[in-house]
């Protein structure tokens, strides 16, 4: 029960593909998709970008771009909402795009009556993966299409000791992707972009996972090899890994190896110590 409650609280669904997980049949669900919240931009066009804040199936999008005269321009799509999963498996969100004006930021009091909101076009964003997107927007008849990625400036600190579990893989796999409901200890240490993860179950069976960290926005991915005290070995990938002061969550994939070929599992754990 603890593991089930923890998995539900974490709110992450596993999926072996690189696409976002399937849309929930409950449109009120807060576990609608991989959270695409972040700053998105084109690395070859640094100087403009797109803020995306996701809550359930709605994105609040702001574009910081420039007008024809070179002046900074603020555009906002406050209700850019899920519309479909296209034929390639990408999540698609669309909505109305607005331009806004308002009172001077240095005024003593803020006069909300001075705020104007004018519809100027539309915005559509496709997310083939959580690490790439295509944005198409129109402003007063001018259409722009951009390929964007999450802006990444720091690698998340994954170091610490966690207690949690995995769910979704075959119980016959044993560690590191068991589905027995038993708790697992995770001790993560990183040096540069290399992570070492020691996993221990209640019977003191252990697996050591060593891999390379790739940071994409706020999400980490670790790819490498694992060996276990009971003879299991192979390749693994930790995807969509997000760590915070309360714990970590993500999806675990065993890519090859003895006993656990192509096993996929949700992983969630509470932080015990740093």
C-alpha atoms as a PDB file:
ATOM      1  CA  UNK A   1       0.000   0.000   0.000  1.00  0.00           C
ATOM      2  CA  UNK A   2       2.847   2.374   0.828  1.00  0.00           C
ATOM      3  CA  UNK A   3       4.409   1.858  -2.589  1.00  0.00           C
ATOM      4  CA  UNK A   4       1.101   2.336  -4.388  1.00  0.00           C
ATOM      5  CA  UNK A   5       0.408   5.519  -2.436  1.00  0.00           C
ATOM      6  CA  UNK A   6       3.914   6.800  -3.107  1.00  0.00           C
ATOM      7  CA  UNK A   7       3.631   6.090  -6.828  1.00  0.00           C
ATOM      8  CA  UNK A   8       0.295   7.885  -7.012  1.00  0.00           C
ATOM      9  CA  UNK A   9       1.653  10.845  -5.058  1.00  0.00           C
ATOM     10  CA  UNK A  10       4.646  11.162  -7.329  1.00  0.00           C
ATOM     11  CA  UNK A  11       2.289  11.208 -10.322  1.00  0.00           C
ATOM     12  CA  UNK A  12       4.604   9.722 -12.951  1.00  0.00           C
ATOM     13  CA  UNK A  13       3.532   7.086 -15.488  1.00  0.00           C
ATOM     14  CA  UNK A  14       6.116   4.891 -17.162  1.00  0.00           C
ATOM     15  CA  UNK A  15       6.441   4.531 -20.897  1.00  0.00           C
ATOM     16  CA  UNK A  16       9.198   2.731 -22.735  1.00  0.00           C
ATOM     17  CA  UNK A  17       9.128   5.080 -25.707  1.00  0.00           C
ATOM     18  CA  UNK A  18      10.625   8.532 -25.788  1.00  0.00           C
ATOM     19  CA  UNK A  19       7.175  10.022 -26.374  1.00  0.00           C
ATOM     20  CA  UNK A  20       5.027  11.498 -23.628  1.00  0.00           C
ATOM     21  CA  UNK A  21       2.861   8.904 -21.864  1.00  0.00           C
ATOM     22  CA  UNK A  22      -0.673   8.361 -23.155  1.00  0.00           C
ATOM     23  CA  UNK A  23      -3.248  10.983 -22.279  1.00  0.00           C
ATOM     24  CA  UNK A  24      -5.398  10.181 -19.288  1.00  0.00           C
ATOM     25  CA  UNK A  25      -9.024   9.306 -19.997  1.00  0.00           C
ATOM     26  CA  UNK A  26      -9.887  11.603 -17.089  1.00  0.00           C
ATOM     27  CA  UNK A  27      -9.567  15.127 -18.457  1.00  0.00           C
ATOM     28  CA  UNK A  28      -9.355  16.518 -14.923  1.00  0.00           C
ATOM     29  CA  UNK A  29      -6.243  14.471 -14.172  1.00  0.00           C
ATOM     30  CA  UNK A  30      -3.149  16.303 -12.975  1.00  0.00           C
ATOM     31  CA  UNK A  31      -0.985  13.445 -14.292  1.00  0.00           C
ATOM     32  CA  UNK A  32      -1.952  14.324 -17.845  1.00  0.00           C
ATOM     33  CA  UNK A  33       1.470  14.054 -19.495  1.00  0.00           C
ATOM     34  CA  UNK A  34       5.152  14.620 -18.925  1.00  0.00           C
ATOM     35  CA  UNK A  35       5.432  18.130 -17.471  1.00  0.00           C
ATOM     36  CA  UNK A  36       6.871  20.346 -20.222  1.00  0.00           C
ATOM     37  CA  UNK A  37       7.230  23.363 -17.922  1.00  0.00           C
ATOM     38  CA  UNK A  38      10.407  25.292 -18.694  1.00  0.00           C
ATOM     39  CA  UNK A  39      12.085  27.792 -20.983  1.00  0.00           C
ATOM     40  CA  UNK A  40      12.186  26.640 -24.623  1.00  0.00           C
ATOM     41  CA  UNK A  41      14.386  28.160 -27.323  1.00  0.00           C
ATOM     42  CA  UNK A  42      16.420  27.543 -30.475  1.00  0.00           C
ATOM     43  CA  UNK A  43      20.129  27.299 -29.522  1.00  0.00           C
ATOM     44  CA  UNK A  44      21.071  28.842 -32.890  1.00  0.00           C
ATOM     45  CA  UNK A  45      18.833  31.855 -32.236  1.00  0.00           C
ATOM     46  CA  UNK A  46      19.696  32.809 -28.673  1.00  0.00           C
ATOM     47  CA  UNK A  47      17.999  36.065 -27.666  1.00  0.00           C
ATOM     48  CA  UNK A  48      14.354  35.074 -27.875  1.00  0.00           C
ATOM     49  CA  UNK A  49      12.441  32.270 -26.236  1.00  0.00           C
ATOM     50  CA  UNK A  50       9.227  30.794 -24.906  1.00  0.00           C
ATOM     51  CA  UNK A  51       8.138  30.238 -21.318  1.00  0.00           C
ATOM     52  CA  UNK A  52       5.831  27.238 -20.871  1.00  0.00           C
ATOM     53  CA  UNK A  53       3.993  26.528 -17.620  1.00  0.00           C
ATOM     54  CA  UNK A  54       1.854  23.376 -17.599  1.00  0.00           C
ATOM     55  CA  UNK A  55      -1.047  22.551 -15.303  1.00  0.00           C
ATOM     56  CA  UNK A  56      -2.911  19.378 -16.283  1.00  0.00           C
ATOM     57  CA  UNK A  57      -3.808  19.672 -19.996  1.00  0.00           C
ATOM     58  CA  UNK A  58      -3.355  23.454 -20.267  1.00  0.00           C
ATOM     59  CA  UNK A  59      -0.206  25.425 -21.016  1.00  0.00           C
ATOM     60  CA  UNK A  60       0.336  29.078 -20.145  1.00  0.00           C
ATOM     61  CA  UNK A  61       2.759  30.261 -22.840  1.00  0.00           C
ATOM     62  CA  UNK A  62       4.620  33.556 -23.073  1.00  0.00           C
ATOM     63  CA  UNK A  63       6.812  34.488 -26.038  1.00  0.00           C
ATOM     64  CA  UNK A  64       9.564  37.069 -25.552  1.00  0.00           C
ATOM     65  CA  UNK A  65      10.294  38.159 -29.121  1.00  0.00           C
ATOM     66  CA  UNK A  66      10.861  41.403 -31.047  1.00  0.00           C
ATOM     67  CA  UNK A  67       8.661  43.574 -33.220  1.00  0.00           C
ATOM     68  CA  UNK A  68       9.412  44.714 -36.767  1.00  0.00           C
ATOM     69  CA  UNK A  69      11.087  47.799 -35.273  1.00  0.00           C
ATOM     70  CA  UNK A  70      13.352  45.659 -33.085  1.00  0.00           C
ATOM     71  CA  UNK A  71      11.521  46.563 -29.860  1.00  0.00           C
ATOM     72  CA  UNK A  72      10.896  43.831 -27.256  1.00  0.00           C
ATOM     73  CA  UNK A  73       7.449  42.320 -27.760  1.00  0.00           C
ATOM     74  CA  UNK A  74       5.386  40.329 -25.268  1.00  0.00           C
ATOM     75  CA  UNK A  75       2.900  37.729 -26.536  1.00  0.00           C
ATOM     76  CA  UNK A  76       0.876  35.393 -24.367  1.00  0.00           C
ATOM     77  CA  UNK A  77      -1.191  32.228 -24.868  1.00  0.00           C
ATOM     78  CA  UNK A  78      -2.842  31.801 -21.445  1.00  0.00           C
ATOM     79  CA  UNK A  79      -5.024  28.844 -22.456  1.00  0.00           C
ATOM     80  CA  UNK A  80      -2.962  26.781 -24.877  1.00  0.00           C
ATOM     81  CA  UNK A  81      -4.836  23.538 -24.440  1.00  0.00           C
ATOM     82  CA  UNK A  82      -4.320  19.907 -25.455  1.00  0.00           C
ATOM     83  CA  UNK A  83      -6.043  19.097 -28.739  1.00  0.00           C
ATOM     84  CA  UNK A  84      -4.745  15.697 -29.888  1.00  0.00           C
ATOM     85  CA  UNK A  85      -1.967  13.155 -30.233  1.00  0.00           C
ATOM     86  CA  UNK A  86      -0.924  13.267 -33.883  1.00  0.00           C
ATOM     87  CA  UNK A  87      -0.033  10.330 -36.136  1.00  0.00           C
ATOM     88  CA  UNK A  88       3.609  10.420 -34.997  1.00  0.00           C
ATOM     89  CA  UNK A  89       2.656  10.249 -31.308  1.00  0.00           C
ATOM     90  CA  UNK A  90       3.360  13.917 -30.547  1.00  0.00           C
ATOM     91  CA  UNK A  91       1.184  15.768 -28.058  1.00  0.00           C
ATOM     92  CA  UNK A  92      -0.371  18.871 -29.653  1.00  0.00           C
ATOM     93  CA  UNK A  93      -1.532  21.982 -27.772  1.00  0.00           C
ATOM     94  CA  UNK A  94      -3.254  24.991 -29.368  1.00  0.00           C
ATOM     95  CA  UNK A  95      -4.800  28.284 -28.308  1.00  0.00           C
ATOM     96  CA  UNK A  96      -5.326  31.960 -28.980  1.00  0.00           C
ATOM     97  CA  UNK A  97      -2.338  34.307 -28.848  1.00  0.00           C
ATOM     98  CA  UNK A  98      -2.712  37.796 -27.369  1.00  0.00           C
ATOM     99  CA  UNK A  99      -0.706  40.994 -27.126  1.00  0.00           C
ATOM    100  CA  UNK A 100      -1.029  43.011 -23.931  1.00  0.00           C
ATOM    101  CA  UNK A 101      -0.307  46.485 -22.642  1.00  0.00           C
ATOM    102  CA  UNK A 102      -0.520  47.874 -19.142  1.00  0.00           C
ATOM    103  CA  UNK A 103       0.537  50.551 -16.667  1.00  0.00           C
ATOM    104  CA  UNK A 104       4.165  51.532 -16.200  1.00  0.00           C
ATOM    105  CA  UNK A 105       6.015  49.089 -13.928  1.00  0.00           C
ATOM    106  CA  UNK A 106       7.389  51.930 -11.778  1.00  0.00           C
ATOM    107  CA  UNK A 107       4.007  53.437 -10.930  1.00  0.00           C
ATOM    108  CA  UNK A 108       3.209  53.776  -7.232  1.00  0.00           C
ATOM    109  CA  UNK A 109      -0.001  51.762  -7.625  1.00  0.00           C
ATOM    110  CA  UNK A 110      -1.014  49.223 -10.241  1.00  0.00           C
ATOM    111  CA  UNK A 111      -4.104  50.236 -12.202  1.00  0.00           C
ATOM    112  CA  UNK A 112      -5.661  47.031 -13.507  1.00  0.00           C
ATOM    113  CA  UNK A 113      -8.078  49.070 -15.613  1.00  0.00           C
ATOM    114  CA  UNK A 114      -5.110  50.151 -17.757  1.00  0.00           C
ATOM    115  CA  UNK A 115      -4.426  46.570 -18.881  1.00  0.00           C
ATOM    116  CA  UNK A 116      -5.504  45.770 -22.440  1.00  0.00           C
ATOM    117  CA  UNK A 117      -5.622  42.280 -23.967  1.00  0.00           C
ATOM    118  CA  UNK A 118      -5.955  41.960 -27.740  1.00  0.00           C
ATOM    119  CA  UNK A 119      -6.173  38.686 -29.709  1.00  0.00           C
ATOM    120  CA  UNK A 120      -3.577  38.765 -32.505  1.00  0.00           C
ATOM    121  CA  UNK A 121      -3.437  35.159 -33.731  1.00  0.00           C
ATOM    122  CA  UNK A 122      -2.959  31.560 -32.654  1.00  0.00           C
ATOM    123  CA  UNK A 123      -0.240  29.296 -31.276  1.00  0.00           C
ATOM    124  CA  UNK A 124       0.242  25.534 -31.700  1.00  0.00           C
ATOM    125  CA  UNK A 125       3.004  23.486 -30.050  1.00  0.00           C
ATOM    126  CA  UNK A 126       3.897  19.885 -30.906  1.00  0.00           C
ATOM    127  CA  UNK A 127       5.897  17.833 -28.392  1.00  0.00           C
ATOM    128  CA  UNK A 128       7.282  14.691 -30.118  1.00  0.00           C
ATOM    129  CA  UNK A 129       9.377  14.104 -26.977  1.00  0.00           C
ATOM    130  CA  UNK A 130       9.905  15.840 -23.681  1.00  0.00           C
ATOM    131  CA  UNK A 131      13.199  17.154 -25.119  1.00  0.00           C
ATOM    132  CA  UNK A 132      11.986  18.717 -28.373  1.00  0.00           C
ATOM    133  CA  UNK A 133       9.069  20.721 -29.712  1.00  0.00           C
ATOM    134  CA  UNK A 134       7.854  22.607 -32.761  1.00  0.00           C
ATOM    135  CA  UNK A 135       6.011  25.885 -32.204  1.00  0.00           C
ATOM    136  CA  UNK A 136       3.878  27.563 -34.872  1.00  0.00           C
ATOM    137  CA  UNK A 137       2.370  30.934 -34.112  1.00  0.00           C
ATOM    138  CA  UNK A 138       0.736  33.746 -36.076  1.00  0.00           C
ATOM    139  CA  UNK A 139       0.610  37.452 -35.226  1.00  0.00           C
ATOM    140  CA  UNK A 140      -1.560  39.746 -37.331  1.00  0.00           C
ATOM    141  CA  UNK A 141      -1.226  37.484 -40.355  1.00  0.00           C
ATOM    142  CA  UNK A 142       2.508  36.735 -40.013  1.00  0.00           C
ATOM    143  CA  UNK A 143       3.212  33.035 -39.337  1.00  0.00           C
ATOM    144  CA  UNK A 144       6.385  31.774 -37.642  1.00  0.00           C
ATOM    145  CA  UNK A 145       7.530  28.153 -37.286  1.00  0.00           C
ATOM    146  CA  UNK A 146      10.381  27.251 -34.908  1.00  0.00           C
ATOM    147  CA  UNK A 147      12.005  24.050 -33.652  1.00  0.00           C
ATOM    148  CA  UNK A 148      12.843  24.451 -29.982  1.00  0.00           C
ATOM    149  CA  UNK A 149      14.401  22.559 -27.076  1.00  0.00           C
ATOM    150  CA  UNK A 150      14.360  23.113 -23.310  1.00  0.00           C
ATOM    151  CA  UNK A 151      16.987  25.590 -22.176  1.00  0.00           C
ATOM    152  CA  UNK A 152      19.433  23.899 -19.813  1.00  0.00           C
ATOM    153  CA  UNK A 153      21.925  25.792 -17.699  1.00  0.00           C
ATOM    154  CA  UNK A 154      22.626  23.535 -14.715  1.00  0.00           C
ATOM    155  CA  UNK A 155      22.673  19.803 -14.012  1.00  0.00           C
ATOM    156  CA  UNK A 156      20.267  18.815 -11.260  1.00  0.00           C
ATOM    157  CA  UNK A 157      21.875  17.618  -8.020  1.00  0.00           C
ATOM    158  CA  UNK A 158      20.795  13.985  -7.716  1.00  0.00           C
ATOM    159  CA  UNK A 159      23.095  13.105  -4.800  1.00  0.00           C
ATOM    160  CA  UNK A 160      21.425  11.594  -1.785  1.00  0.00           C
ATOM    161  CA  UNK A 161      19.845   8.550  -0.175  1.00  0.00           C
ATOM    162  CA  UNK A 162      16.247   7.702  -1.078  1.00  0.00           C
ATOM    163  CA  UNK A 163      13.697   5.065  -0.086  1.00  0.00           C
ATOM    164  CA  UNK A 164      10.939   4.062  -2.498  1.00  0.00           C
ATOM    165  CA  UNK A 165      10.242   1.500  -5.159  1.00  0.00           C
ATOM    166  CA  UNK A 166       9.433   0.646  -8.728  1.00  0.00           C
ATOM    167  CA  UNK A 167       6.171  -0.408 -10.302  1.00  0.00           C
ATOM    168  CA  UNK A 168       5.244  -1.799 -13.678  1.00  0.00           C
ATOM    169  CA  UNK A 169       7.936  -4.383 -14.450  1.00  0.00           C
ATOM    170  CA  UNK A 170       7.764  -8.144 -14.051  1.00  0.00           C
ATOM    171  CA  UNK A 171       8.293  -9.377 -10.500  1.00  0.00           C
ATOM    172  CA  UNK A 172      10.576 -12.104 -11.863  1.00  0.00           C
ATOM    173  CA  UNK A 173      13.152  -9.483 -12.779  1.00  0.00           C
ATOM    174  CA  UNK A 174      14.263  -8.870  -9.210  1.00  0.00           C
ATOM    175  CA  UNK A 175      16.347  -5.776  -8.662  1.00  0.00           C
ATOM    176  CA  UNK A 176      16.596  -3.199 -10.084  1.00  0.00           C
ATOM    177  CA  UNK A 177      13.085  -3.430 -11.529  1.00  0.00           C
ATOM    178  CA  UNK A 178      11.129  -5.553  -9.105  1.00  0.00           C
ATOM    179  CA  UNK A 179       7.371  -5.297  -8.729  1.00  0.00           C
ATOM    180  CA  UNK A 180       6.897  -6.879  -5.321  1.00  0.00           C
ATOM    181  CA  UNK A 181       5.669  -3.869  -3.379  1.00  0.00           C
ATOM    182  CA  UNK A 182       8.782  -4.015  -1.210  1.00  0.00           C
ATOM    183  CA  UNK A 183      10.794  -0.896  -0.496  1.00  0.00           C
ATOM    184  CA  UNK A 184      14.127  -0.286  -2.197  1.00  0.00           C
ATOM    185  CA  UNK A 185      16.961   1.936  -1.035  1.00  0.00           C
ATOM    186  CA  UNK A 186      18.628   4.172  -3.626  1.00  0.00           C
ATOM    187  CA  UNK A 187      21.984   5.801  -2.892  1.00  0.00           C
ATOM    188  CA  UNK A 188      23.044   8.157  -5.682  1.00  0.00           C
ATOM    189  CA  UNK A 189      26.453   9.778  -5.994  1.00  0.00           C
ATOM    190  CA  UNK A 190      27.611  11.857  -8.946  1.00  0.00           C
ATOM    191  CA  UNK A 191      30.982  13.060 -10.192  1.00  0.00           C
ATOM    192  CA  UNK A 192      30.648  15.413 -13.135  1.00  0.00           C
ATOM    193  CA  UNK A 193      28.182  13.798 -15.527  1.00  0.00           C
ATOM    194  CA  UNK A 194      28.718  10.256 -14.172  1.00  0.00           C
ATOM    195  CA  UNK A 195      26.217   8.777 -11.720  1.00  0.00           C
ATOM    196  CA  UNK A 196      26.650   5.717  -9.501  1.00  0.00           C
ATOM    197  CA  UNK A 197      23.447   4.296  -8.032  1.00  0.00           C
ATOM    198  CA  UNK A 198      23.434   1.573  -5.370  1.00  0.00           C
ATOM    199  CA  UNK A 199      20.049  -0.147  -5.065  1.00  0.00           C
ATOM    200  CA  UNK A 200      19.329  -2.385  -2.058  1.00  0.00           C
ATOM    201  CA  UNK A 201      16.175  -4.350  -1.257  1.00  0.00           C
ATOM    202  CA  UNK A 202      14.890  -5.592   2.101  1.00  0.00           C
ATOM    203  CA  UNK A 203      16.744  -8.912   1.637  1.00  0.00           C
ATOM    204  CA  UNK A 204      19.996  -6.925   1.171  1.00  0.00           C
ATOM    205  CA  UNK A 205      20.288  -7.880  -2.489  1.00  0.00           C
ATOM    206  CA  UNK A 206      22.134  -5.112  -4.308  1.00  0.00           C
ATOM    207  CA  UNK A 207      22.585  -3.738  -7.812  1.00  0.00           C
ATOM    208  CA  UNK A 208      25.071  -1.101  -8.890  1.00  0.00           C
ATOM    209  CA  UNK A 209      24.107   1.145 -11.791  1.00  0.00           C
ATOM    210  CA  UNK A 210      26.752   3.349 -13.411  1.00  0.00           C
ATOM    211  CA  UNK A 211      25.788   5.730 -16.194  1.00  0.00           C
ATOM    212  CA  UNK A 212      26.164   9.057 -17.924  1.00  0.00           C
ATOM    213  CA  UNK A 213      23.832  11.924 -17.011  1.00  0.00           C
ATOM    214  CA  UNK A 214      22.203  13.994 -19.746  1.00  0.00           C
ATOM    215  CA  UNK A 215      20.350  17.063 -18.490  1.00  0.00           C
ATOM    216  CA  UNK A 216      17.427  18.420 -20.535  1.00  0.00           C
ATOM    217  CA  UNK A 217      15.838  21.413 -18.874  1.00  0.00           C
ATOM    218  CA  UNK A 218      14.790  20.288 -15.403  1.00  0.00           C
ATOM    219  CA  UNK A 219      14.805  16.579 -16.321  1.00  0.00           C
ATOM    220  CA  UNK A 220      17.756  14.189 -16.155  1.00  0.00           C
ATOM    221  CA  UNK A 221      18.400  10.993 -18.083  1.00  0.00           C
ATOM    222  CA  UNK A 222      20.992   8.414 -17.022  1.00  0.00           C
ATOM    223  CA  UNK A 223      22.159   5.731 -19.446  1.00  0.00           C
ATOM    224  CA  UNK A 224      24.624   3.005 -18.546  1.00  0.00           C
ATOM    225  CA  UNK A 225      25.178  -0.517 -17.263  1.00  0.00           C
ATOM    226  CA  UNK A 226      24.147  -2.404 -14.140  1.00  0.00           C
ATOM    227  CA  UNK A 227      25.440  -5.452 -12.265  1.00  0.00           C
ATOM    228  CA  UNK A 228      23.691  -7.226  -9.391  1.00  0.00           C
ATOM    229  CA  UNK A 229      24.877  -9.330  -6.465  1.00  0.00           C
ATOM    230  CA  UNK A 230      22.763 -12.286  -7.699  1.00  0.00           C
ATOM    231  CA  UNK A 231      24.273 -12.333 -11.194  1.00  0.00           C
ATOM    232  CA  UNK A 232      21.916 -10.136 -13.227  1.00  0.00           C
ATOM    233  CA  UNK A 233      23.598  -7.605 -15.528  1.00  0.00           C
ATOM    234  CA  UNK A 234      22.708  -5.445 -18.507  1.00  0.00           C
ATOM    235  CA  UNK A 235      22.025  -1.958 -19.809  1.00  0.00           C
ATOM    236  CA  UNK A 236      19.590   0.531 -18.262  1.00  0.00           C
ATOM    237  CA  UNK A 237      18.112   3.961 -18.798  1.00  0.00           C
ATOM    238  CA  UNK A 238      16.555   6.257 -16.222  1.00  0.00           C
ATOM    239  CA  UNK A 239      14.294   8.645 -18.135  1.00  0.00           C
ATOM    240  CA  UNK A 240      12.442  11.821 -17.187  1.00  0.00           C
ATOM    241  CA  UNK A 241      14.214  11.742 -13.828  1.00  0.00           C
ATOM    242  CA  UNK A 242      13.240  14.667 -11.623  1.00  0.00           C
ATOM    243  CA  UNK A 243      14.736  15.213  -8.181  1.00  0.00           C
ATOM    244  CA  UNK A 244      13.792  17.690  -5.502  1.00  0.00           C
ATOM    245  CA  UNK A 245      14.056  18.213  -1.768  1.00  0.00           C
ATOM    246  CA  UNK A 246      11.254  15.671  -1.216  1.00  0.00           C
ATOM    247  CA  UNK A 247      12.507  12.886  -3.475  1.00  0.00           C
ATOM    248  CA  UNK A 248      12.779  11.713  -7.055  1.00  0.00           C
ATOM    249  CA  UNK A 249      10.561  10.266  -9.756  1.00  0.00           C
ATOM    250  CA  UNK A 250      10.966   9.002 -13.293  1.00  0.00           C
ATOM    251  CA  UNK A 251      10.802   5.961 -15.528  1.00  0.00           C
ATOM    252  CA  UNK A 252      13.220   3.017 -15.430  1.00  0.00           C
ATOM    253  CA  UNK A 253      13.994   0.946 -18.530  1.00  0.00           C
ATOM    254  CA  UNK A 254      16.120  -2.183 -18.729  1.00  0.00           C
ATOM    255  CA  UNK A 255      17.360  -2.149 -22.319  1.00  0.00           C
ATOM    256  CA  UNK A 256      19.111  -5.519 -22.354  1.00  0.00           C
ATOM    257  CA  UNK A 257      20.524  -8.052 -19.968  1.00  0.00           C
ATOM    258  CA  UNK A 258      19.883 -11.308 -18.197  1.00  0.00           C
ATOM    259  CA  UNK A 259      16.442 -11.801 -16.713  1.00  0.00           C
ATOM    260  CA  UNK A 260      14.975  -8.351 -17.456  1.00  0.00           C
ATOM    261  CA  UNK A 261      14.913  -7.711 -21.179  1.00  0.00           C
ATOM    262  CA  UNK A 262      12.916  -4.609 -22.141  1.00  0.00           C
ATOM    263  CA  UNK A 263      11.413  -4.171 -18.667  1.00  0.00           C
ATOM    264  CA  UNK A 264       9.786  -0.770 -17.974  1.00  0.00           C
ATOM    265  CA  UNK A 265       8.831   0.613 -14.570  1.00  0.00           C
ATOM    266  CA  UNK A 266       7.823   3.776 -12.790  1.00  0.00           C
ATOM    267  CA  UNK A 267      10.305   4.756 -10.113  1.00  0.00           C
ATOM    268  CA  UNK A 268       9.500   6.931  -7.116  1.00  0.00           C
ATOM    269  CA  UNK A 269      11.347   7.507  -3.880  1.00  0.00           C
ATOM    270  CA  UNK A 270      11.373   9.842  -0.901  1.00  0.00           C
ATOM    271  CA  UNK A 271      14.642  11.546   0.060  1.00  0.00           C
ATOM    272  CA  UNK A 272      16.109  10.317   3.339  1.00  0.00           C
ATOM    273  CA  UNK A 273      19.321  12.327   3.394  1.00  0.00           C
ATOM    274  CA  UNK A 274      21.523  14.445   1.162  1.00  0.00           C
END
